[in-house]
C-alpha atoms as a PDB file:
ATOM      1  CA  MET A   1     184.882 -18.177 186.740  1.00  0.00           C
ATOM      2  CA  LEU A   2     186.211 -16.277 189.784  1.00  0.00           C
ATOM      3  CA  THR A   3     185.235 -12.354 190.038  1.00  0.00           C
ATOM      4  CA  HIS A   4     187.891 -10.564 192.392  1.00  0.00           C
ATOM      5  CA  VAL A   5     186.026  -8.331 194.937  1.00  0.00           C
ATOM      6  CA  TYR A   6     188.414  -7.353 197.711  1.00  0.00           C
ATOM      7  CA  SER A   7     191.964  -6.803 198.258  1.00  0.00           C
ATOM      8  CA  GLY A   8     193.068  -6.627 201.932  1.00  0.00           C
ATOM      9  CA  LYS A   9     196.851  -5.933 203.562  1.00  0.00           C
ATOM     10  CA  VAL A  10     197.672  -9.620 202.566  1.00  0.00           C
ATOM     11  CA  ARG A  11     194.657 -11.638 201.115  1.00  0.00           C
ATOM     12  CA  GLU A  12     192.788 -11.278 197.911  1.00  0.00           C
ATOM     13  CA  LEU A  13     189.277 -12.249 197.521  1.00  0.00           C
ATOM     14  CA  TYR A  14     187.121 -14.065 194.943  1.00  0.00           C
ATOM     15  CA  ARG A  15     183.686 -15.085 194.669  1.00  0.00           C
ATOM     16  CA  ALA A  16     182.762 -17.796 192.214  1.00  0.00           C
ATOM     17  CA  ASP A  17     179.512 -18.115 189.565  1.00  0.00           C
ATOM     18  CA  ASP A  18     178.133 -20.227 192.746  1.00  0.00           C
ATOM     19  CA  GLY A  19     178.401 -17.746 195.378  1.00  0.00           C
ATOM     20  CA  THR A  20     181.478 -19.508 197.056  1.00  0.00           C
ATOM     21  CA  LEU A  21     184.798 -17.833 198.106  1.00  0.00           C
ATOM     22  CA  LEU A  22     188.173 -18.185 197.128  1.00  0.00           C
ATOM     23  CA  ILE A  23     190.432 -16.758 199.778  1.00  0.00           C
ATOM     24  CA  VAL A  24     193.938 -16.245 198.315  1.00  0.00           C
ATOM     25  CA  ALA A  25     197.175 -15.166 200.669  1.00  0.00           C
ATOM     26  CA  SER A  26     200.043 -13.378 199.030  1.00  0.00           C
ATOM     27  CA  ASP A  27     203.452 -13.079 200.028  1.00  0.00           C
ATOM     28  CA  ARG A  28     202.790  -9.599 201.227  1.00  0.00           C
ATOM     29  CA  ILE A  29     203.795  -8.424 204.608  1.00  0.00           C
ATOM     30  CA  SER A  30     202.123  -5.797 206.789  1.00  0.00           C
ATOM     31  CA  ALA A  31     203.493  -4.053 209.729  1.00  0.00           C
ATOM     32  CA  PHE A  32     202.339  -0.643 211.512  1.00  0.00           C
ATOM     33  CA  ASP A  33     199.656  -0.765 208.982  1.00  0.00           C
ATOM     34  CA  TYR A  34     201.219  -0.368 206.381  1.00  0.00           C
ATOM     35  CA  VAL A  35     201.885  -3.199 203.682  1.00  0.00           C
ATOM     36  CA  LEU A  36     205.394  -3.444 202.924  1.00  0.00           C
ATOM     37  CA  ASP A  37     207.105  -3.145 199.423  1.00  0.00           C
ATOM     38  CA  THR A  38     209.232  -6.693 200.632  1.00  0.00           C
ATOM     39  CA  PRO A  39     207.247  -9.648 200.176  1.00  0.00           C
ATOM     40  CA  ILE A  40     208.169 -12.998 202.338  1.00  0.00           C
ATOM     41  CA  PRO A  41     208.814 -15.743 200.001  1.00  0.00           C
ATOM     42  CA  ASP A  42     206.248 -18.797 200.460  1.00  0.00           C
ATOM     43  CA  LYS A  43     204.232 -16.918 203.081  1.00  0.00           C
ATOM     44  CA  GLY A  44     201.527 -17.137 201.846  1.00  0.00           C
ATOM     45  CA  LYS A  45     201.446 -21.111 201.642  1.00  0.00           C
ATOM     46  CA  ILE A  46     202.781 -21.550 205.066  1.00  0.00           C
ATOM     47  CA  LEU A  47     200.081 -19.252 206.680  1.00  0.00           C
ATOM     48  CA  THR A  48     197.398 -20.967 204.237  1.00  0.00           C
ATOM     49  CA  GLN A  49     198.523 -24.690 205.314  1.00  0.00           C
ATOM     50  CA  LEU A  50     199.044 -23.290 209.322  1.00  0.00           C
ATOM     51  CA  SER A  51     195.526 -22.117 209.171  1.00  0.00           C
ATOM     52  CA  LEU A  52     193.942 -25.295 207.631  1.00  0.00           C
ATOM     53  CA  TRP A  53     195.865 -27.608 209.938  1.00  0.00           C
ATOM     54  CA  TRP A  54     194.422 -25.166 213.356  1.00  0.00           C
ATOM     55  CA  PHE A  55     190.949 -25.268 211.694  1.00  0.00           C
ATOM     56  CA  ASP A  56     190.949 -29.037 211.891  1.00  0.00           C
ATOM     57  CA  GLN A  57     192.465 -28.938 215.553  1.00  0.00           C
ATOM     58  CA  LEU A  58     189.475 -26.546 216.600  1.00  0.00           C
ATOM     59  CA  ALA A  59     186.539 -28.166 214.303  1.00  0.00           C
ATOM     60  CA  ASP A  60     184.741 -29.388 217.446  1.00  0.00           C
ATOM     61  CA  LEU A  61     184.951 -26.298 219.281  1.00  0.00           C
ATOM     62  CA  VAL A  62     183.435 -24.075 216.830  1.00  0.00           C
ATOM     63  CA  PRO A  63     182.488 -24.945 212.982  1.00  0.00           C
ATOM     64  CA  ASN A  64     184.384 -22.619 210.245  1.00  0.00           C
ATOM     65  CA  HIS A  65     183.965 -21.478 206.808  1.00  0.00           C
ATOM     66  CA  LEU A  66     185.725 -23.748 205.016  1.00  0.00           C
ATOM     67  CA  LEU A  67     184.427 -26.172 201.993  1.00  0.00           C
ATOM     68  CA  PRO A  68     186.692 -29.064 202.089  1.00  0.00           C
ATOM     69  CA  ASP A  69     185.197 -30.843 199.407  1.00  0.00           C
ATOM     70  CA  ALA A  70     185.587 -27.742 196.723  1.00  0.00           C
ATOM     71  CA  ASP A  71     188.522 -27.544 194.578  1.00  0.00           C
ATOM     72  CA  VAL A  72     190.874 -25.037 194.952  1.00  0.00           C
ATOM     73  CA  PRO A  73     192.145 -23.666 191.590  1.00  0.00           C
ATOM     74  CA  ALA A  74     195.769 -24.678 190.090  1.00  0.00           C
ATOM     75  CA  GLU A  75     197.224 -21.200 189.929  1.00  0.00           C
ATOM     76  CA  TYR A  76     196.507 -20.919 193.644  1.00  0.00           C
ATOM     77  CA  ALA A  77     197.217 -24.371 195.084  1.00  0.00           C
ATOM     78  CA  GLY A  78     198.807 -24.001 198.521  1.00  0.00           C
ATOM     79  CA  ARG A  79     197.971 -20.499 199.227  1.00  0.00           C
ATOM     80  CA  ALA A  80     194.211 -20.389 198.990  1.00  0.00           C
ATOM     81  CA  MET A  81     191.054 -22.069 200.735  1.00  0.00           C
ATOM     82  CA  MET A  82     187.698 -22.516 199.331  1.00  0.00           C
ATOM     83  CA  CYS A  83     185.146 -21.124 201.593  1.00  0.00           C
ATOM     84  CA  ARG A  84     181.338 -20.290 202.000  1.00  0.00           C
ATOM     85  CA  PRO A  85     180.132 -16.474 202.253  1.00  0.00           C
ATOM     86  CA  LEU A  86     179.540 -15.032 205.744  1.00  0.00           C
ATOM     87  CA  GLU A  87     178.251 -12.089 206.914  1.00  0.00           C
ATOM     88  CA  MET A  88     181.424 -10.854 208.799  1.00  0.00           C
ATOM     89  CA  VAL A  89     181.165  -9.512 212.411  1.00  0.00           C
ATOM     90  CA  GLN A  90     182.421  -6.189 212.304  1.00  0.00           C
ATOM     91  CA  ALA A  91     184.940  -6.794 215.294  1.00  0.00           C
ATOM     92  CA  GLU A  92     188.528  -8.075 215.748  1.00  0.00           C
ATOM     93  CA  CYS A  93     187.813 -11.174 218.350  1.00  0.00           C
ATOM     94  CA  VAL A  94     191.130 -11.088 220.528  1.00  0.00           C
ATOM     95  CA  ALA A  95     192.069 -13.238 223.333  1.00  0.00           C
ATOM     96  CA  ARG A  96     195.284 -12.881 225.757  1.00  0.00           C
ATOM     97  CA  GLY A  97     197.121 -15.224 228.265  1.00  0.00           C
ATOM     98  CA  TYR A  98     200.102 -13.101 228.032  1.00  0.00           C
ATOM     99  CA  LEU A  99     201.133  -9.167 228.519  1.00  0.00           C
ATOM    100  CA  ALA A 100     202.333  -7.645 225.063  1.00  0.00           C
ATOM    101  CA  GLY A 101     201.411  -5.246 222.393  1.00  0.00           C
ATOM    102  CA  SER A 102     198.898  -2.833 222.541  1.00  0.00           C
ATOM    103  CA  GLY A 103     197.795  -4.516 225.785  1.00  0.00           C
ATOM    104  CA  LEU A 104     200.987  -4.085 227.363  1.00  0.00           C
ATOM    105  CA  THR A 105     200.552  -0.463 226.336  1.00  0.00           C
ATOM    106  CA  GLU A 106     196.946  -0.215 227.573  1.00  0.00           C
ATOM    107  CA  TYR A 107     198.297  -1.838 231.019  1.00  0.00           C
ATOM    108  CA  ARG A 108     200.185   0.474 231.631  1.00  0.00           C
ATOM    109  CA  LEU A 109     198.178   3.541 231.352  1.00  0.00           C
ATOM    110  CA  ASP A 110     195.301   2.170 233.667  1.00  0.00           C
ATOM    111  CA  GLY A 111     195.839  -0.896 235.041  1.00  0.00           C
ATOM    112  CA  GLY A 112     194.061  -3.218 232.689  1.00  0.00           C
ATOM    113  CA  VAL A 113     193.105  -4.099 229.004  1.00  0.00           C
ATOM    114  CA  CYS A 114     189.730  -3.473 227.657  1.00  0.00           C
ATOM    115  CA  GLY A 115     188.113  -2.521 230.508  1.00  0.00           C
ATOM    116  CA  VAL A 116     189.567  -6.146 232.372  1.00  0.00           C
ATOM    117  CA  SER A 117     191.168  -4.858 235.855  1.00  0.00           C
ATOM    118  CA  LEU A 118     194.597  -6.806 236.244  1.00  0.00           C
ATOM    119  CA  PRO A 119     196.451  -7.066 238.939  1.00  0.00           C
ATOM    120  CA  PRO A 120     199.388  -4.640 239.799  1.00  0.00           C
ATOM    121  CA  GLY A 121     202.669  -5.065 239.071  1.00  0.00           C
ATOM    122  CA  LEU A 122     202.577  -7.137 235.872  1.00  0.00           C
ATOM    123  CA  LEU A 123     206.060  -6.740 233.695  1.00  0.00           C
ATOM    124  CA  GLU A 124     206.071  -7.165 229.538  1.00  0.00           C
ATOM    125  CA  GLY A 125     205.274 -10.662 229.068  1.00  0.00           C
ATOM    126  CA  SER A 126     203.686 -11.560 232.250  1.00  0.00           C
ATOM    127  CA  ARG A 127     201.364 -14.450 231.977  1.00  0.00           C
ATOM    128  CA  LEU A 128     197.897 -13.174 233.089  1.00  0.00           C
ATOM    129  CA  PRO A 129     195.895 -14.891 235.945  1.00  0.00           C
ATOM    130  CA  GLU A 130     193.688 -16.432 233.069  1.00  0.00           C
ATOM    131  CA  PRO A 131     193.228 -15.618 229.365  1.00  0.00           C
ATOM    132  CA  ILE A 132     190.760 -12.644 228.805  1.00  0.00           C
ATOM    133  CA  PHE A 133     188.901 -11.425 225.836  1.00  0.00           C
ATOM    134  CA  THR A 134     190.061  -7.845 224.477  1.00  0.00           C
ATOM    135  CA  PRO A 135     187.749  -7.324 221.469  1.00  0.00           C
ATOM    136  CA  ALA A 136     188.735  -4.209 218.971  1.00  0.00           C
ATOM    137  CA  THR A 137     186.865  -2.571 216.136  1.00  0.00           C
ATOM    138  CA  LYS A 138     187.971  -3.142 212.655  1.00  0.00           C
ATOM    139  CA  ALA A 139     189.469  -0.293 211.167  1.00  0.00           C
ATOM    140  CA  PRO A 140     189.791   0.497 207.224  1.00  0.00           C
ATOM    141  CA  ALA A 141     193.031  -0.122 205.766  1.00  0.00           C
ATOM    142  CA  GLY A 142     195.672   2.181 207.075  1.00  0.00           C
ATOM    143  CA  GLU A 143     193.844   2.854 209.975  1.00  0.00           C
ATOM    144  CA  HIS A 144     194.737   1.542 213.333  1.00  0.00           C
ATOM    145  CA  ASP A 145     192.041  -1.004 215.094  1.00  0.00           C
ATOM    146  CA  GLU A 146     191.239   0.199 218.538  1.00  0.00           C
ATOM    147  CA  ASN A 147     190.530  -1.899 221.577  1.00  0.00           C
ATOM    148  CA  ILE A 148     186.923  -1.608 223.050  1.00  0.00           C
ATOM    149  CA  THR A 149     185.285  -3.367 226.070  1.00  0.00           C
ATOM    150  CA  ALA A 150     183.088  -6.335 226.059  1.00  0.00           C
ATOM    151  CA  GLY A 151     180.117  -3.875 227.047  1.00  0.00           C
ATOM    152  CA  GLN A 152     180.939  -1.580 223.894  1.00  0.00           C
ATOM    153  CA  LEU A 153     181.039  -4.934 222.070  1.00  0.00           C
ATOM    154  CA  ALA A 154     177.932  -5.928 223.120  1.00  0.00           C
ATOM    155  CA  GLN A 155     176.166  -2.503 222.257  1.00  0.00           C
ATOM    156  CA  ARG A 156     177.373  -2.920 218.865  1.00  0.00           C
ATOM    157  CA  GLU A 157     176.589  -6.473 217.890  1.00  0.00           C
ATOM    158  CA  GLY A 158     174.704  -7.006 220.524  1.00  0.00           C
ATOM    159  CA  ALA A 159     174.418  -8.788 223.770  1.00  0.00           C
ATOM    160  CA  GLU A 160     173.790 -12.344 222.938  1.00  0.00           C
ATOM    161  CA  LEU A 161     176.421 -12.297 219.835  1.00  0.00           C
ATOM    162  CA  ALA A 162     178.983 -10.678 221.712  1.00  0.00           C
ATOM    163  CA  ALA A 163     178.964 -13.180 224.609  1.00  0.00           C
ATOM    164  CA  GLU A 164     179.095 -16.013 222.069  1.00  0.00           C
ATOM    165  CA  LEU A 165     182.103 -14.243 220.752  1.00  0.00           C
ATOM    166  CA  ALA A 166     183.702 -14.226 223.959  1.00  0.00           C
ATOM    167  CA  ARG A 167     183.151 -17.828 224.809  1.00  0.00           C
ATOM    168  CA  CYS A 168     184.296 -18.993 220.991  1.00  0.00           C
ATOM    169  CA  THR A 169     187.242 -16.866 221.237  1.00  0.00           C
ATOM    170  CA  LEU A 170     188.504 -18.267 224.630  1.00  0.00           C
ATOM    171  CA  ALA A 171     187.784 -21.470 223.887  1.00  0.00           C
ATOM    172  CA  VAL A 172     190.070 -21.191 220.147  1.00  0.00           C
ATOM    173  CA  TYR A 173     192.601 -19.466 222.734  1.00  0.00           C
ATOM    174  CA  ARG A 174     192.733 -22.177 225.267  1.00  0.00           C
ATOM    175  CA  ARG A 175     192.900 -24.994 222.782  1.00  0.00           C
ATOM    176  CA  ALA A 176     195.298 -23.725 221.255  1.00  0.00           C
ATOM    177  CA  ALA A 177     197.630 -22.742 224.074  1.00  0.00           C
ATOM    178  CA  GLN A 178     197.267 -26.265 225.304  1.00  0.00           C
ATOM    179  CA  VAL A 179     198.287 -27.680 221.805  1.00  0.00           C
ATOM    180  CA  ALA A 180     201.015 -25.517 221.485  1.00  0.00           C
ATOM    181  CA  ALA A 181     202.736 -25.908 224.859  1.00  0.00           C
ATOM    182  CA  GLY A 182     203.345 -29.421 224.299  1.00  0.00           C
ATOM    183  CA  ARG A 183     205.590 -28.096 221.436  1.00  0.00           C
ATOM    184  CA  GLY A 184     207.280 -25.896 223.365  1.00  0.00           C
ATOM    185  CA  ILE A 185     205.458 -22.779 222.346  1.00  0.00           C
ATOM    186  CA  ILE A 186     203.670 -20.223 224.275  1.00  0.00           C
ATOM    187  CA  VAL A 187     200.509 -18.573 222.508  1.00  0.00           C
ATOM    188  CA  ALA A 188     200.749 -15.092 224.315  1.00  0.00           C
ATOM    189  CA  ASP A 189     197.432 -13.947 222.156  1.00  0.00           C
ATOM    190  CA  THR A 190     195.589 -14.201 218.903  1.00  0.00           C
ATOM    191  CA  LYS A 191     192.729 -12.480 217.079  1.00  0.00           C
ATOM    192  CA  VAL A 192     190.078 -14.244 215.425  1.00  0.00           C
ATOM    193  CA  GLU A 193     187.489 -13.275 212.985  1.00  0.00           C
ATOM    194  CA  PHE A 194     184.091 -14.376 213.039  1.00  0.00           C
ATOM    195  CA  GLY A 195     180.981 -14.663 210.416  1.00  0.00           C
ATOM    196  CA  ILE A 196     177.613 -15.589 210.582  1.00  0.00           C
ATOM    197  CA  ASP A 197     176.381 -17.988 207.378  1.00  0.00           C
ATOM    198  CA  ALA A 198     173.137 -18.154 205.683  1.00  0.00           C
ATOM    199  CA  SER A 199     171.264 -20.450 208.138  1.00  0.00           C
ATOM    200  CA  GLY A 200     172.444 -17.806 211.195  1.00  0.00           C
ATOM    201  CA  THR A 201     175.529 -20.394 212.382  1.00  0.00           C
ATOM    202  CA  LEU A 202     178.522 -18.542 213.586  1.00  0.00           C
ATOM    203  CA  ARG A 203     181.660 -19.460 211.895  1.00  0.00           C
ATOM    204  CA  LEU A 204     185.394 -19.274 212.575  1.00  0.00           C
ATOM    205  CA  ALA A 205     186.837 -17.319 209.528  1.00  0.00           C
ATOM    206  CA  ASP A 206     189.760 -15.506 207.706  1.00  0.00           C
ATOM    207  CA  GLU A 207     192.823 -16.987 209.090  1.00  0.00           C
ATOM    208  CA  VAL A 208     193.938 -18.665 212.233  1.00  0.00           C
ATOM    209  CA  LEU A 209     196.365 -18.930 214.708  1.00  0.00           C
ATOM    210  CA  THR A 210     199.128 -18.066 212.257  1.00  0.00           C
ATOM    211  CA  PRO A 211     202.402 -15.837 212.825  1.00  0.00           C
ATOM    212  CA  ASP A 212     200.195 -12.934 211.177  1.00  0.00           C
ATOM    213  CA  SER A 213     197.401 -13.189 213.631  1.00  0.00           C
ATOM    214  CA  SER A 214     199.042 -14.362 217.066  1.00  0.00           C
ATOM    215  CA  ARG A 215     202.417 -14.050 218.831  1.00  0.00           C
ATOM    216  CA  PHE A 216     204.516 -17.424 219.102  1.00  0.00           C
ATOM    217  CA  TRP A 217     206.770 -17.613 222.128  1.00  0.00           C
ATOM    218  CA  PRO A 218     209.768 -20.303 223.006  1.00  0.00           C
ATOM    219  CA  ALA A 219     208.764 -21.579 226.046  1.00  0.00           C
ATOM    220  CA  ASP A 220     212.210 -22.124 226.761  1.00  0.00           C
ATOM    221  CA  GLN A 221     213.516 -18.626 226.652  1.00  0.00           C
ATOM    222  CA  TRP A 222     210.227 -16.595 227.741  1.00  0.00           C
ATOM    223  CA  GLN A 223     211.470 -14.760 230.567  1.00  0.00           C
ATOM    224  CA  PRO A 224     208.918 -11.455 231.644  1.00  0.00           C
ATOM    225  CA  GLY A 225     210.321  -8.241 232.045  1.00  0.00           C
ATOM    226  CA  ARG A 226     211.866  -8.037 228.557  1.00  0.00           C
ATOM    227  CA  PRO A 227     210.487  -8.298 224.749  1.00  0.00           C
ATOM    228  CA  GLN A 228     210.350 -12.158 224.282  1.00  0.00           C
ATOM    229  CA  PRO A 229     211.643 -14.058 220.951  1.00  0.00           C
ATOM    230  CA  SER A 230     209.150 -14.898 218.487  1.00  0.00           C
ATOM    231  CA  PHE A 231     208.144 -16.647 215.639  1.00  0.00           C
ATOM    232  CA  ASP A 232     206.419 -14.281 214.024  1.00  0.00           C
ATOM    233  CA  LYS A 233     206.540 -10.818 212.375  1.00  0.00           C
ATOM    234  CA  GLN A 234     207.922  -9.068 215.484  1.00  0.00           C
ATOM    235  CA  PHE A 235     211.447  -9.206 213.488  1.00  0.00           C
ATOM    236  CA  VAL A 236     210.236  -7.041 210.849  1.00  0.00           C
ATOM    237  CA  ARG A 237     208.583  -4.531 213.442  1.00  0.00           C
ATOM    238  CA  ASP A 238     211.910  -4.609 215.525  1.00  0.00           C
ATOM    239  CA  TRP A 239     213.975  -4.048 212.318  1.00  0.00           C
ATOM    240  CA  LEU A 240     211.558  -1.383 211.257  1.00  0.00           C
ATOM    241  CA  THR A 241     211.734   0.836 214.654  1.00  0.00           C
ATOM    242  CA  SER A 242     215.742  -0.002 214.743  1.00  0.00           C
ATOM    243  CA  PRO A 243     218.373   2.705 213.803  1.00  0.00           C
ATOM    244  CA  GLU A 244     219.196   0.365 210.770  1.00  0.00           C
ATOM    245  CA  SER A 245     216.356   0.971 208.586  1.00  0.00           C
ATOM    246  CA  GLY A 246     216.101   5.073 209.088  1.00  0.00           C
ATOM    247  CA  TRP A 247     212.616   4.815 209.457  1.00  0.00           C
ATOM    248  CA  ASP A 248     210.766   7.199 211.934  1.00  0.00           C
ATOM    249  CA  ARG A 249     206.754   5.681 212.652  1.00  0.00           C
ATOM    250  CA  THR A 250     205.680   9.486 213.098  1.00  0.00           C
ATOM    251  CA  SER A 251     207.181  10.426 209.784  1.00  0.00           C
ATOM    252  CA  GLY A 252     203.898   9.344 207.803  1.00  0.00           C
ATOM    253  CA  ARG A 253     206.293   8.013 205.052  1.00  0.00           C
ATOM    254  CA  LYS A 254     206.110   4.543 204.050  1.00  0.00           C
ATOM    255  CA  PRO A 255     208.593   2.318 205.820  1.00  0.00           C
ATOM    256  CA  PRO A 256     211.650   1.159 203.660  1.00  0.00           C
ATOM    257  CA  PRO A 257     212.090  -2.138 201.978  1.00  0.00           C
ATOM    258  CA  LEU A 258     213.440  -4.925 203.837  1.00  0.00           C
ATOM    259  CA  PRO A 259     216.858  -5.985 203.166  1.00  0.00           C
ATOM    260  CA  SER A 260     217.572  -9.764 202.611  1.00  0.00           C
ATOM    261  CA  HIS A 261     218.361 -10.901 205.954  1.00  0.00           C
ATOM    262  CA  VAL A 262     215.610  -9.734 207.503  1.00  0.00           C
ATOM    263  CA  VAL A 263     213.277 -11.189 204.612  1.00  0.00           C
ATOM    264  CA  ALA A 264     215.161 -14.530 205.580  1.00  0.00           C
ATOM    265  CA  ARG A 265     214.970 -14.558 209.215  1.00  0.00           C
ATOM    266  CA  THR A 266     211.060 -13.663 208.581  1.00  0.00           C
ATOM    267  CA  ARG A 267     210.641 -16.531 206.404  1.00  0.00           C
ATOM    268  CA  GLU A 268     212.756 -18.638 208.939  1.00  0.00           C
ATOM    269  CA  ALA A 269     210.882 -17.654 211.848  1.00  0.00           C
ATOM    270  CA  TYR A 270     207.390 -18.654 209.615  1.00  0.00           C
ATOM    271  CA  VAL A 271     208.830 -22.366 209.046  1.00  0.00           C
ATOM    272  CA  MET A 272     209.603 -22.678 212.225  1.00  0.00           C
ATOM    273  CA  ALA A 273     206.152 -21.823 213.481  1.00  0.00           C
ATOM    274  CA  TYR A 274     204.639 -23.959 211.033  1.00  0.00           C
ATOM    275  CA  GLU A 275     207.280 -27.263 211.955  1.00  0.00           C
ATOM    276  CA  ARG A 276     207.298 -26.891 215.632  1.00  0.00           C
ATOM    277  CA  ILE A 277     203.243 -26.651 215.727  1.00  0.00           C
ATOM    278  CA  THR A 278     202.134 -29.060 213.481  1.00  0.00           C
ATOM    279  CA  GLY A 279     205.185 -31.449 214.188  1.00  0.00           C
ATOM    280  CA  LEU A 280     205.309 -31.676 210.240  1.00  0.00           C
ATOM    281  CA  THR A 281     208.530 -30.666 207.702  1.00  0.00           C
ATOM    282  CA  TRP A 282     207.548 -27.738 206.059  1.00  0.00           C
ATOM    283  CA  THR A 283     207.518 -28.706 201.783  1.00  0.00           C
ATOM    284  CA  ASP A 284     206.077 -26.975 199.280  1.00  0.00           C
ATOM    285  CA  PRO A 285     201.627 -27.840 198.971  1.00  0.00           C
ATOM    286  CA  SER A 286     201.457 -26.703 195.611  1.00  0.00           C
END
């Protein structure tokens, strides 16, 4: 028997009688801290299958929360993972190899990101001298995550755990960047989450290296100094902030429903990310 215990922006969490967890990825999509009214067909299945592929690629670097021998209930086939329970670390662990998003905003203000100083003169989309660890707080639903320094993370989580989070996050990013580069994709940045199991082992959790948690750019179109084409939900963000949507981010109103062409283009980006990264043709796994 499954008991529903939590609803996230795009995922549902259930607990089985033996204490194991079922994480179900829906087709919901979020942007600017809102869950949009319009689902993206197959999104949950694509994210789940891509996460499973990446967990396998990263297994030698850091253990994860998967229970590969546990059966997923048939009604959730293709979009769910059976996982061991963890005490989640209350921080978003972000690695950046390129300047984009909140990192770009912060750099423009003070020349660094999360307390890490960067060279002057970098542009939007510039490659950083080396990947950097830029943690953030975990904000409640509807609120913004806030970037913090590694020192602030150490104060919150302890110096030993903070150092291990930074090490594992950067190891995951470097492996992912190397794999994706061989497929013509730049991983500009990625956000990962960790938890600690009953034996005290730190494990990679939630989703990993999907278009919802990472910025994927086609390498052959990379050009610093402008927004980059992407295989993620940036197309949704761009439409919401365009005159066509008629939505004002500062209004406090919920974003409007997505038009069919935005839905189709976004689904296409998710499928392209899956196929380019894994080398597999997308088929419904259920």
